[in-house]
């Protein structure tokens, strides 16, 4: 059990798990998950950690089919600029390894932002807290548990 799964169970939120055999030579974790689980790249969301110009770390959850618009994230978070956090910094803050960073059950609660495209979906898939584990849940449940704000974050 990962902290992400434990957080969902403790909150009584309905979810399901899907597992796949992660190839350690694959750097595109979300795309690998979508391909191996037979999912659309629009319904699998990646969890990214960014540092704002005021030194805060924040979480952005965007579809694998898109890139994170750092300017849009900064605006949503009330900052002027945002940059991707260093990998070791993201791992330290969340308690997860790259490719397995979940928006749920993080070691340190970071302000979270979910791309507005999730609102149109009945369910989305996010990392379950380790490579090869995906959680399927309703976007509104993810928002409720992480206190995420909806924002236009994706650049296609």
N, C-alpha and C. Protein backbone atom coordinates (compact mmCIF):
# COMPACT_ATOMS: atom_id res chain seq x y z
N UNK A 1 0.83 -1.19 0.00
CA UNK A 1 0.00 0.00 0.00
C UNK A 1 0.88 1.25 0.00
N UNK A 2 0.57 2.15 -0.90
CA UNK A 2 1.30 3.41 -0.95
C UNK A 2 0.54 4.45 -0.11
N UNK A 3 1.19 5.54 0.26
CA UNK A 3 0.48 6.60 0.98
C UNK A 3 -0.71 7.14 0.19
N UNK A 4 -0.63 7.15 -1.14
CA UNK A 4 -1.74 7.63 -1.98
C UNK A 4 -2.96 6.74 -1.78
N UNK A 5 -2.78 5.43 -1.83
CA UNK A 5 -3.88 4.48 -1.65
C UNK A 5 -4.44 4.58 -0.23
N UNK A 6 -3.55 4.69 0.74
CA UNK A 6 -4.00 4.82 2.13
C UNK A 6 -4.82 6.09 2.33
N UNK A 7 -4.44 7.20 1.68
CA UNK A 7 -5.18 8.45 1.80
C UNK A 7 -6.59 8.30 1.23
N UNK A 8 -6.71 7.63 0.10
CA UNK A 8 -8.03 7.41 -0.50
C UNK A 8 -8.90 6.52 0.39
N UNK A 9 -8.31 5.45 0.91
CA UNK A 9 -9.06 4.55 1.78
C UNK A 9 -9.52 5.27 3.04
N UNK A 10 -8.64 6.05 3.64
CA UNK A 10 -8.98 6.78 4.87
C UNK A 10 -10.10 7.79 4.63
N UNK A 11 -10.14 8.37 3.43
CA UNK A 11 -11.16 9.37 3.11
C UNK A 11 -12.46 8.74 2.61
N UNK A 12 -12.44 7.42 2.38
CA UNK A 12 -13.63 6.74 1.91
C UNK A 12 -14.00 7.09 0.47
N UNK A 13 -13.01 7.45 -0.32
CA UNK A 13 -13.25 7.86 -1.72
C UNK A 13 -13.20 6.62 -2.61
N UNK A 14 -14.18 6.46 -3.51
CA UNK A 14 -14.15 5.31 -4.42
C UNK A 14 -13.03 5.47 -5.46
N UNK A 15 -12.32 4.39 -5.71
CA UNK A 15 -11.23 4.39 -6.67
C UNK A 15 -10.97 2.96 -7.11
N UNK A 16 -10.19 2.82 -8.16
CA UNK A 16 -9.72 1.51 -8.55
C UNK A 16 -8.25 1.62 -8.92
N UNK A 17 -7.56 0.50 -8.85
CA UNK A 17 -6.14 0.46 -9.15
C UNK A 17 -5.89 -0.35 -10.42
N UNK A 18 -4.88 0.07 -11.16
CA UNK A 18 -4.43 -0.68 -12.33
C UNK A 18 -2.92 -0.76 -12.25
N UNK A 19 -2.39 -1.93 -12.52
CA UNK A 19 -0.94 -2.11 -12.47
C UNK A 19 -0.43 -2.53 -13.85
N UNK A 20 0.83 -2.24 -14.08
CA UNK A 20 1.49 -2.65 -15.31
C UNK A 20 2.97 -2.83 -15.00
N UNK A 21 3.65 -3.55 -15.87
CA UNK A 21 5.09 -3.78 -15.70
C UNK A 21 5.85 -2.60 -16.29
N UNK A 22 6.41 -1.78 -15.42
CA UNK A 22 7.17 -0.60 -15.85
C UNK A 22 8.52 -1.02 -16.41
N UNK A 23 8.86 -0.44 -17.56
CA UNK A 23 10.16 -0.66 -18.16
C UNK A 23 11.10 0.43 -17.63
N UNK A 24 12.14 0.08 -16.87
CA UNK A 24 13.02 1.09 -16.27
C UNK A 24 13.76 1.95 -17.29
N UNK A 25 13.72 1.56 -18.55
CA UNK A 25 14.40 2.35 -19.59
C UNK A 25 13.45 3.33 -20.27
N UNK A 26 12.20 3.38 -19.84
CA UNK A 26 11.21 4.28 -20.42
C UNK A 26 11.12 5.56 -19.61
N UNK A 27 11.51 6.70 -20.20
CA UNK A 27 11.46 7.96 -19.46
C UNK A 27 10.07 8.62 -19.46
N UNK A 28 9.20 8.24 -20.38
CA UNK A 28 7.87 8.85 -20.49
C UNK A 28 6.87 8.00 -19.70
N UNK A 29 6.86 8.20 -18.40
CA UNK A 29 6.07 7.35 -17.49
C UNK A 29 4.57 7.35 -17.80
N UNK A 30 4.00 8.53 -17.96
CA UNK A 30 2.56 8.62 -18.20
C UNK A 30 2.15 8.01 -19.53
N UNK A 31 2.96 8.24 -20.56
CA UNK A 31 2.66 7.66 -21.87
C UNK A 31 2.77 6.14 -21.81
N UNK A 32 3.73 5.65 -21.06
CA UNK A 32 3.88 4.21 -20.88
C UNK A 32 2.64 3.64 -20.20
N UNK A 33 2.17 4.30 -19.15
CA UNK A 33 0.98 3.83 -18.43
C UNK A 33 -0.22 3.78 -19.36
N UNK A 34 -0.43 4.84 -20.13
CA UNK A 34 -1.58 4.88 -21.04
C UNK A 34 -1.49 3.75 -22.07
N UNK A 35 -0.33 3.57 -22.64
CA UNK A 35 -0.14 2.54 -23.67
C UNK A 35 -0.39 1.14 -23.11
N UNK A 36 0.24 0.83 -21.97
CA UNK A 36 0.14 -0.52 -21.41
C UNK A 36 -1.23 -0.81 -20.80
N UNK A 37 -1.95 0.22 -20.39
CA UNK A 37 -3.27 0.01 -19.80
C UNK A 37 -4.40 0.23 -20.82
N UNK A 38 -4.03 0.60 -22.05
CA UNK A 38 -5.04 0.81 -23.09
C UNK A 38 -5.91 2.03 -22.85
N UNK A 39 -5.31 3.10 -22.31
CA UNK A 39 -6.04 4.32 -21.98
C UNK A 39 -5.68 5.45 -22.93
N UNK A 40 -6.56 6.41 -23.02
CA UNK A 40 -6.30 7.61 -23.81
C UNK A 40 -5.28 8.49 -23.08
N UNK A 41 -4.43 9.16 -23.85
CA UNK A 41 -3.47 10.09 -23.25
C UNK A 41 -4.16 11.28 -22.59
N UNK A 42 -5.43 11.50 -22.93
CA UNK A 42 -6.19 12.61 -22.32
C UNK A 42 -6.76 12.26 -20.95
N UNK A 43 -6.84 10.96 -20.62
CA UNK A 43 -7.41 10.58 -19.33
C UNK A 43 -6.35 10.16 -18.31
N UNK A 44 -5.11 10.04 -18.75
CA UNK A 44 -4.00 9.76 -17.83
C UNK A 44 -3.32 11.10 -17.54
N UNK A 45 -3.21 11.42 -16.26
CA UNK A 45 -2.66 12.71 -15.86
C UNK A 45 -1.32 12.51 -15.15
N UNK A 46 -0.38 13.39 -15.47
CA UNK A 46 0.93 13.36 -14.82
C UNK A 46 0.96 14.39 -13.71
N UNK A 47 1.73 14.09 -12.68
CA UNK A 47 1.87 14.97 -11.53
C UNK A 47 3.26 15.60 -11.59
N UNK A 48 3.27 16.91 -11.70
CA UNK A 48 4.53 17.65 -11.84
C UNK A 48 4.70 18.60 -10.67
N UNK A 49 5.92 18.76 -10.22
CA UNK A 49 6.21 19.68 -9.11
C UNK A 49 7.00 20.86 -9.68
N UNK A 50 6.56 22.06 -9.34
CA UNK A 50 7.21 23.27 -9.83
C UNK A 50 7.55 24.18 -8.65
N UNK A 51 8.54 25.03 -8.87
CA UNK A 51 8.93 26.03 -7.88
C UNK A 51 8.53 27.39 -8.41
N UNK A 52 7.82 28.15 -7.57
CA UNK A 52 7.40 29.50 -7.95
C UNK A 52 8.49 30.50 -7.60
N UNK A 53 8.38 31.70 -8.16
CA UNK A 53 9.40 32.72 -7.91
C UNK A 53 9.42 33.20 -6.46
N UNK A 54 8.37 32.89 -5.69
CA UNK A 54 8.37 33.23 -4.27
C UNK A 54 8.89 32.06 -3.42
N UNK A 55 9.46 31.06 -4.09
CA UNK A 55 10.12 29.90 -3.49
C UNK A 55 9.18 28.80 -3.01
N UNK A 56 7.89 28.92 -3.28
CA UNK A 56 6.96 27.85 -2.92
C UNK A 56 7.03 26.73 -3.95
N UNK A 57 6.86 25.50 -3.47
CA UNK A 57 6.68 24.35 -4.36
C UNK A 57 5.18 24.12 -4.53
N UNK A 58 4.77 23.82 -5.76
CA UNK A 58 3.37 23.54 -6.04
C UNK A 58 3.29 22.31 -6.93
N UNK A 59 2.11 21.71 -6.98
CA UNK A 59 1.86 20.53 -7.79
C UNK A 59 0.90 20.91 -8.93
N UNK A 60 1.25 20.47 -10.13
CA UNK A 60 0.38 20.64 -11.29
C UNK A 60 0.04 19.25 -11.81
N UNK A 61 -1.24 19.01 -12.05
CA UNK A 61 -1.70 17.71 -12.56
C UNK A 61 -2.32 17.98 -13.93
N UNK A 62 -1.64 17.49 -14.97
CA UNK A 62 -2.04 17.77 -16.35
C UNK A 62 -2.09 16.48 -17.16
N UNK A 63 -2.89 16.47 -18.24
CA UNK A 63 -2.96 15.26 -19.06
C UNK A 63 -1.60 14.94 -19.69
N UNK A 64 -1.35 13.67 -19.86
CA UNK A 64 -0.12 13.21 -20.49
C UNK A 64 -0.05 13.73 -21.92
N UNK A 65 -1.20 13.98 -22.54
CA UNK A 65 -1.26 14.43 -23.93
C UNK A 65 -0.80 15.88 -24.10
N UNK A 66 -0.55 16.57 -23.01
CA UNK A 66 -0.21 18.00 -23.07
C UNK A 66 1.06 18.29 -22.28
N UNK A 67 1.54 19.51 -22.45
CA UNK A 67 2.66 19.98 -21.64
C UNK A 67 2.13 20.99 -20.64
N UNK A 68 2.82 21.12 -19.54
CA UNK A 68 2.46 22.10 -18.53
C UNK A 68 2.87 23.49 -19.01
N UNK A 69 1.93 24.43 -18.97
CA UNK A 69 2.20 25.83 -19.28
C UNK A 69 2.62 26.47 -17.96
N UNK A 70 3.92 26.71 -17.81
CA UNK A 70 4.45 27.23 -16.54
C UNK A 70 3.93 28.63 -16.24
N UNK A 71 3.71 29.45 -17.26
CA UNK A 71 3.16 30.79 -17.04
C UNK A 71 1.74 30.70 -16.50
N UNK A 72 0.96 29.77 -17.04
CA UNK A 72 -0.42 29.59 -16.57
C UNK A 72 -0.42 29.08 -15.13
N UNK A 73 0.50 28.19 -14.80
CA UNK A 73 0.60 27.70 -13.43
C UNK A 73 0.96 28.83 -12.48
N UNK A 74 1.92 29.66 -12.87
CA UNK A 74 2.31 30.79 -12.02
C UNK A 74 1.11 31.71 -11.79
N UNK A 75 0.37 32.02 -12.85
CA UNK A 75 -0.82 32.88 -12.70
C UNK A 75 -1.82 32.25 -11.74
N UNK A 76 -2.09 30.96 -11.92
CA UNK A 76 -3.07 30.27 -11.07
C UNK A 76 -2.65 30.28 -9.60
N UNK A 77 -1.34 30.24 -9.37
CA UNK A 77 -0.81 30.19 -8.01
C UNK A 77 -0.54 31.58 -7.43
N UNK A 78 -0.81 32.62 -8.21
CA UNK A 78 -0.60 33.98 -7.73
C UNK A 78 0.87 34.39 -7.71
N UNK A 79 1.65 33.84 -8.62
CA UNK A 79 3.08 34.17 -8.70
C UNK A 79 3.37 34.76 -10.08
N UNK A 80 4.58 35.28 -10.25
CA UNK A 80 4.98 35.83 -11.54
C UNK A 80 5.60 34.77 -12.44
N UNK A 81 6.36 33.85 -11.86
CA UNK A 81 7.06 32.85 -12.65
C UNK A 81 7.02 31.49 -11.95
N UNK A 82 7.17 30.47 -12.77
CA UNK A 82 7.27 29.10 -12.26
C UNK A 82 8.30 28.37 -13.11
N UNK A 83 9.00 27.45 -12.48
CA UNK A 83 9.97 26.59 -13.17
C UNK A 83 9.83 25.19 -12.59
N UNK A 84 10.17 24.20 -13.38
CA UNK A 84 10.10 22.84 -12.88
C UNK A 84 11.07 22.69 -11.72
N UNK A 85 10.64 22.00 -10.68
CA UNK A 85 11.49 21.74 -9.52
C UNK A 85 12.57 20.73 -9.92
N UNK A 86 13.68 20.77 -9.24
CA UNK A 86 14.73 19.78 -9.47
C UNK A 86 14.17 18.41 -9.05
N UNK A 87 14.55 17.35 -9.77
CA UNK A 87 14.02 16.02 -9.45
C UNK A 87 14.18 15.62 -7.98
N UNK A 88 15.37 15.84 -7.41
CA UNK A 88 15.56 15.44 -6.01
C UNK A 88 14.71 16.29 -5.06
N UNK A 89 14.47 17.53 -5.42
CA UNK A 89 13.62 18.41 -4.62
C UNK A 89 12.16 17.93 -4.66
N UNK A 90 11.70 17.53 -5.84
CA UNK A 90 10.33 17.00 -5.98
C UNK A 90 10.17 15.71 -5.19
N UNK A 91 11.17 14.84 -5.27
CA UNK A 91 11.10 13.57 -4.53
C UNK A 91 11.11 13.80 -3.03
N UNK A 92 11.95 14.71 -2.57
CA UNK A 92 12.03 15.00 -1.13
C UNK A 92 10.72 15.57 -0.60
N UNK A 93 10.13 16.50 -1.34
CA UNK A 93 8.91 17.15 -0.88
C UNK A 93 7.70 16.22 -0.89
N UNK A 94 7.64 15.32 -1.88
CA UNK A 94 6.46 14.46 -2.02
C UNK A 94 6.60 13.10 -1.34
N UNK A 95 7.84 12.65 -1.20
CA UNK A 95 8.07 11.32 -0.64
C UNK A 95 7.96 10.22 -1.68
N UNK A 96 7.85 10.59 -2.95
CA UNK A 96 7.74 9.63 -4.04
C UNK A 96 8.92 9.80 -5.01
N UNK A 97 9.19 8.75 -5.80
CA UNK A 97 10.23 8.83 -6.82
C UNK A 97 9.63 9.35 -8.13
N UNK A 98 10.46 9.98 -8.96
CA UNK A 98 10.00 10.44 -10.27
C UNK A 98 9.37 9.29 -11.03
N UNK A 99 8.29 9.61 -11.71
CA UNK A 99 7.56 8.57 -12.43
C UNK A 99 6.55 7.87 -11.55
N UNK A 100 6.60 8.14 -10.26
CA UNK A 100 5.66 7.56 -9.31
C UNK A 100 5.09 8.62 -8.38
N UNK A 101 5.33 9.90 -8.70
CA UNK A 101 4.81 10.98 -7.85
C UNK A 101 3.30 11.05 -8.02
N UNK A 102 2.61 10.89 -6.93
CA UNK A 102 1.16 10.95 -6.92
C UNK A 102 0.73 12.30 -6.35
N UNK A 103 -0.41 12.81 -6.80
CA UNK A 103 -0.93 14.03 -6.18
C UNK A 103 -1.52 13.75 -4.80
N UNK A 104 -1.65 12.47 -4.46
CA UNK A 104 -2.28 12.05 -3.21
C UNK A 104 -1.25 11.53 -2.22
N UNK A 105 -1.48 11.76 -0.95
CA UNK A 105 -0.65 11.17 0.10
C UNK A 105 0.78 11.65 0.11
N UNK A 106 1.00 12.87 -0.32
CA UNK A 106 2.37 13.39 -0.34
C UNK A 106 2.88 13.66 1.06
N UNK A 107 4.19 13.54 1.22
CA UNK A 107 4.85 13.75 2.50
C UNK A 107 4.58 15.15 3.04
N UNK A 108 4.69 16.12 2.16
CA UNK A 108 4.44 17.52 2.52
C UNK A 108 3.30 18.00 1.64
N UNK A 109 2.24 18.51 2.24
CA UNK A 109 1.09 18.96 1.45
C UNK A 109 1.45 20.24 0.70
N UNK A 110 1.43 20.15 -0.62
CA UNK A 110 1.74 21.28 -1.48
C UNK A 110 0.45 21.78 -2.12
N UNK A 111 0.38 23.08 -2.38
CA UNK A 111 -0.76 23.62 -3.11
C UNK A 111 -0.83 22.89 -4.44
N UNK A 112 -2.05 22.49 -4.83
CA UNK A 112 -2.21 21.67 -6.03
C UNK A 112 -3.16 22.34 -7.02
N UNK A 113 -2.87 22.12 -8.30
CA UNK A 113 -3.66 22.68 -9.38
C UNK A 113 -3.93 21.58 -10.40
N UNK A 114 -5.19 21.43 -10.78
CA UNK A 114 -5.61 20.39 -11.71
C UNK A 114 -6.04 21.06 -13.00
N UNK A 115 -5.55 20.54 -14.13
CA UNK A 115 -5.93 21.11 -15.41
C UNK A 115 -7.45 21.02 -15.60
N UNK A 116 -8.02 22.10 -16.11
CA UNK A 116 -9.47 22.20 -16.27
C UNK A 116 -10.05 21.14 -17.19
N UNK A 117 -9.25 20.53 -18.05
CA UNK A 117 -9.76 19.48 -18.94
C UNK A 117 -10.29 18.28 -18.15
N UNK A 118 -9.84 18.11 -16.94
CA UNK A 118 -10.29 16.98 -16.11
C UNK A 118 -11.77 17.08 -15.77
N UNK A 119 -12.27 18.31 -15.73
CA UNK A 119 -13.66 18.54 -15.34
C UNK A 119 -14.66 17.85 -16.28
N UNK A 120 -14.29 17.67 -17.53
CA UNK A 120 -15.18 17.06 -18.52
C UNK A 120 -15.16 15.53 -18.47
N UNK A 121 -14.28 14.96 -17.68
CA UNK A 121 -14.12 13.51 -17.63
C UNK A 121 -14.80 12.92 -16.40
N UNK A 122 -15.38 11.74 -16.56
CA UNK A 122 -16.01 11.05 -15.43
C UNK A 122 -14.95 10.55 -14.46
N UNK A 123 -13.79 10.13 -15.02
CA UNK A 123 -12.69 9.62 -14.20
C UNK A 123 -11.37 9.93 -14.89
N UNK A 124 -10.34 10.07 -14.07
CA UNK A 124 -8.99 10.26 -14.58
C UNK A 124 -8.09 9.25 -13.89
N UNK A 125 -6.91 9.07 -14.46
CA UNK A 125 -5.91 8.17 -13.88
C UNK A 125 -4.71 9.01 -13.46
N UNK A 126 -4.24 8.79 -12.24
CA UNK A 126 -3.05 9.46 -11.74
C UNK A 126 -2.13 8.40 -11.14
N UNK A 127 -0.89 8.76 -10.95
CA UNK A 127 0.04 7.80 -10.36
C UNK A 127 -0.43 7.38 -8.97
N UNK A 128 -0.23 6.11 -8.69
CA UNK A 128 -0.61 5.57 -7.39
C UNK A 128 0.48 5.64 -6.35
N UNK A 129 1.60 6.27 -6.69
CA UNK A 129 2.66 6.43 -5.70
C UNK A 129 3.88 5.55 -5.96
N UNK A 130 3.85 4.84 -7.07
CA UNK A 130 5.03 4.09 -7.51
C UNK A 130 4.89 3.84 -9.00
N UNK A 131 6.00 3.64 -9.64
CA UNK A 131 5.97 3.33 -11.08
C UNK A 131 5.25 2.02 -11.29
N UNK A 132 4.33 2.01 -12.25
CA UNK A 132 3.58 0.79 -12.53
C UNK A 132 2.26 0.69 -11.79
N UNK A 133 1.86 1.74 -11.09
CA UNK A 133 0.59 1.72 -10.36
C UNK A 133 -0.19 2.99 -10.68
N UNK A 134 -1.40 2.82 -11.21
CA UNK A 134 -2.27 3.95 -11.54
C UNK A 134 -3.55 3.86 -10.72
N UNK A 135 -4.04 5.04 -10.32
CA UNK A 135 -5.30 5.14 -9.59
C UNK A 135 -6.33 5.79 -10.51
N UNK A 136 -7.50 5.18 -10.58
CA UNK A 136 -8.63 5.75 -11.34
C UNK A 136 -9.61 6.31 -10.32
N UNK A 137 -9.95 7.60 -10.48
CA UNK A 137 -10.91 8.23 -9.57
C UNK A 137 -11.56 9.40 -10.27
N UNK A 138 -12.63 9.89 -9.68
CA UNK A 138 -13.34 11.05 -10.23
C UNK A 138 -12.51 12.31 -9.97
N UNK A 139 -12.46 13.21 -10.94
CA UNK A 139 -11.69 14.45 -10.75
C UNK A 139 -12.12 15.25 -9.52
N UNK A 140 -13.44 15.30 -9.26
CA UNK A 140 -13.90 16.08 -8.10
C UNK A 140 -13.43 15.45 -6.79
N UNK A 141 -13.26 14.13 -6.76
CA UNK A 141 -12.74 13.48 -5.56
C UNK A 141 -11.26 13.81 -5.37
N UNK A 142 -10.51 13.83 -6.47
CA UNK A 142 -9.10 14.22 -6.39
C UNK A 142 -8.99 15.66 -5.89
N UNK A 143 -9.83 16.53 -6.42
CA UNK A 143 -9.80 17.93 -5.98
C UNK A 143 -10.14 18.07 -4.51
N UNK A 144 -11.13 17.33 -4.09
CA UNK A 144 -11.56 17.41 -2.68
C UNK A 144 -10.45 16.96 -1.74
N UNK A 145 -9.81 15.85 -2.08
CA UNK A 145 -8.80 15.30 -1.19
C UNK A 145 -7.50 16.10 -1.19
N UNK A 146 -7.15 16.69 -2.33
CA UNK A 146 -5.89 17.45 -2.42
C UNK A 146 -6.11 18.95 -2.25
N UNK A 147 -7.38 19.36 -2.20
CA UNK A 147 -7.74 20.79 -2.15
C UNK A 147 -7.20 21.51 -3.39
N UNK A 148 -7.19 20.81 -4.51
CA UNK A 148 -6.66 21.37 -5.76
C UNK A 148 -7.64 22.40 -6.34
N UNK A 149 -7.07 23.36 -7.03
CA UNK A 149 -7.85 24.35 -7.77
C UNK A 149 -7.81 23.97 -9.24
N UNK A 150 -8.93 24.16 -9.92
CA UNK A 150 -8.98 23.94 -11.37
C UNK A 150 -8.36 25.15 -12.06
N UNK A 151 -7.59 24.91 -13.09
CA UNK A 151 -6.98 25.99 -13.87
C UNK A 151 -6.62 25.49 -15.25
N UNK A 152 -6.57 26.37 -16.21
CA UNK A 152 -6.15 26.04 -17.58
C UNK A 152 -4.62 25.96 -17.55
N UNK A 153 -4.09 24.76 -17.44
CA UNK A 153 -2.64 24.57 -17.28
C UNK A 153 -1.97 23.90 -18.48
N UNK A 154 -2.78 23.25 -19.33
CA UNK A 154 -2.23 22.44 -20.40
C UNK A 154 -1.95 23.25 -21.66
N UNK A 155 -0.83 22.95 -22.25
CA UNK A 155 -0.48 23.53 -23.56
C UNK A 155 -0.35 22.36 -24.51
N UNK A 156 -1.13 22.37 -25.55
CA UNK A 156 -1.14 21.24 -26.49
C UNK A 156 -0.31 21.52 -27.71
